[in-house]
Amino acid sequence: MKTNVQIETTHERATLVSVKGSLELESALELRETLLQAISSAHLIMVKLARVTEVDGSGIACLLEAYQKAARLNKKFVLVDVSQTVSRYLETAQLGEVLCFAPDVSTAHTL
């Protein structure tokens, strides 16, 4: 399945990156570039994962790398509306306590 990544500014200094489809090796490379650009220009980076249908280690590594870069720059990186597919993978990898989550964009703005 093809991956679709959309970017929008939701508020001053906040960016929402919505991911749809598969988050695996090829798409993770595209998402990585998108997230690194978002981190360079926004204070709050939200990644909406509700429509991700497949994920592998490279997809999770991409999210973790972006989270770590944002943290080093004192920026907020929040996973929003995470699909069950991604949630299960994160739980298996024991990253549920490492990454920041919000049920929706409004909540992410308050973190």
Protein backbone atom coordinates (compact mmCIF):
# COMPACT_ATOMS: atom_id res chain seq x y z
CA MET A 1 0.00 0.00 0.00
CA LYS A 2 1.22 3.46 -0.87
CA THR A 3 2.01 5.96 1.87
CA ASN A 4 0.62 9.45 1.88
CA VAL A 5 2.19 12.15 4.08
CA GLN A 6 0.47 15.50 4.48
CA ILE A 7 1.78 18.52 6.36
CA GLU A 8 -0.18 21.44 7.71
CA THR A 9 0.43 24.27 10.13
CA THR A 10 -2.23 24.06 12.81
CA HIS A 11 -1.18 26.97 14.96
CA GLU A 12 1.71 29.39 15.09
CA ARG A 13 4.87 27.29 15.52
CA ALA A 14 2.93 24.00 15.37
CA THR A 15 2.95 21.47 12.55
CA LEU A 16 0.74 18.44 12.00
CA VAL A 17 2.12 15.61 9.87
CA SER A 18 -0.59 13.10 8.91
CA VAL A 19 0.50 9.67 7.72
CA LYS A 20 -1.76 7.30 5.79
CA GLY A 21 -0.98 3.79 4.58
CA SER A 22 2.17 1.79 5.14
CA LEU A 23 5.02 3.03 7.33
CA GLU A 24 7.83 0.74 6.26
CA LEU A 25 11.37 1.13 4.88
CA GLU A 26 10.74 3.20 1.75
CA SER A 27 8.04 5.41 3.25
CA ALA A 28 9.99 5.80 6.51
CA LEU A 29 12.78 7.50 4.56
CA GLU A 30 10.30 9.98 3.09
CA LEU A 31 8.68 10.56 6.48
CA ARG A 32 12.08 11.06 8.11
CA GLU A 33 12.87 13.97 5.78
CA THR A 34 9.44 15.48 6.37
CA LEU A 35 9.77 15.23 10.15
CA LEU A 36 13.27 16.70 10.21
CA GLN A 37 12.01 19.69 8.19
CA ALA A 38 9.07 20.11 10.54
CA ILE A 39 11.38 20.01 13.57
CA SER A 40 13.54 22.74 12.08
CA SER A 41 10.58 25.12 11.67
CA ALA A 42 8.07 24.33 14.43
CA HIS A 43 8.08 24.17 18.21
CA LEU A 44 5.33 21.54 18.38
CA ILE A 45 5.41 18.65 15.93
CA MET A 46 2.38 16.35 15.92
CA VAL A 47 2.34 13.12 13.93
CA LYS A 48 -1.13 11.73 13.27
CA LEU A 49 -0.98 7.97 12.79
CA ALA A 50 -4.68 7.02 12.80
CA ARG A 51 -4.61 5.83 9.19
CA VAL A 52 -1.38 3.83 9.28
CA THR A 53 -2.21 0.26 8.24
CA GLU A 54 1.25 -1.35 8.33
CA VAL A 55 4.44 -0.57 10.22
CA ASP A 56 7.87 -2.13 10.64
CA GLY A 57 11.06 -1.41 12.56
CA SER A 58 12.25 1.23 10.12
CA GLY A 59 9.00 3.17 10.57
CA ILE A 60 9.32 3.06 14.35
CA ALA A 61 13.02 3.99 14.13
CA CYS A 62 12.06 7.03 12.05
CA LEU A 63 9.60 8.20 14.72
CA LEU A 64 12.08 7.57 17.52
CA GLU A 65 14.86 9.47 15.73
CA ALA A 66 12.58 12.45 15.16
CA TYR A 67 11.44 12.37 18.80
CA GLN A 68 15.04 12.36 20.02
CA LYS A 69 16.05 15.22 17.71
CA ALA A 70 13.08 17.30 18.85
CA ALA A 71 13.94 16.61 22.50
CA ARG A 72 17.56 17.73 21.97
CA LEU A 73 16.22 21.01 20.55
CA ASN A 74 13.70 21.44 23.41
CA LYS A 75 10.75 20.95 21.07
CA LYS A 76 7.61 18.89 21.61
CA PHE A 77 7.08 15.79 19.46
CA VAL A 78 3.71 14.13 19.97
CA LEU A 79 2.16 11.08 18.34
CA VAL A 80 -1.55 11.80 17.84
CA ASP A 81 -4.49 9.46 17.32
CA VAL A 82 -2.28 6.38 16.96
CA SER A 83 -3.73 3.39 15.07
CA GLN A 84 -3.95 0.00 16.77
CA THR A 85 -1.33 -1.34 14.36
CA VAL A 86 1.24 1.25 15.43
CA SER A 87 0.20 1.08 19.08
CA ARG A 88 0.77 -2.68 19.22
CA TYR A 89 4.20 -2.32 17.64
CA LEU A 90 5.19 0.43 20.09
CA GLU A 91 4.03 -1.68 23.03
CA THR A 92 6.00 -4.69 21.77
CA ALA A 93 9.10 -2.50 21.38
CA GLN A 94 8.48 -1.08 24.88
CA LEU A 95 8.40 2.50 23.57
CA GLY A 96 5.05 3.42 25.10
CA GLU A 97 6.82 5.03 28.05
CA VAL A 98 9.44 6.80 25.92
CA LEU A 99 7.36 8.64 23.32
CA CYS A 100 4.69 11.26 23.98
CA PHE A 101 1.09 10.53 22.96
CA ALA A 102 -2.16 12.48 22.67
CA PRO A 103 -5.61 11.27 21.66
CA ASP A 104 -6.16 14.28 19.40
CA VAL A 105 -4.61 17.52 18.09
CA SER A 106 -6.37 19.72 20.66
CA THR A 107 -4.88 17.72 23.52
CA ALA A 108 -1.42 17.77 21.91
CA HIS A 109 -1.50 21.57 21.95
CA THR A 110 -1.93 21.51 25.74
CA LEU A 111 1.03 19.24 26.53
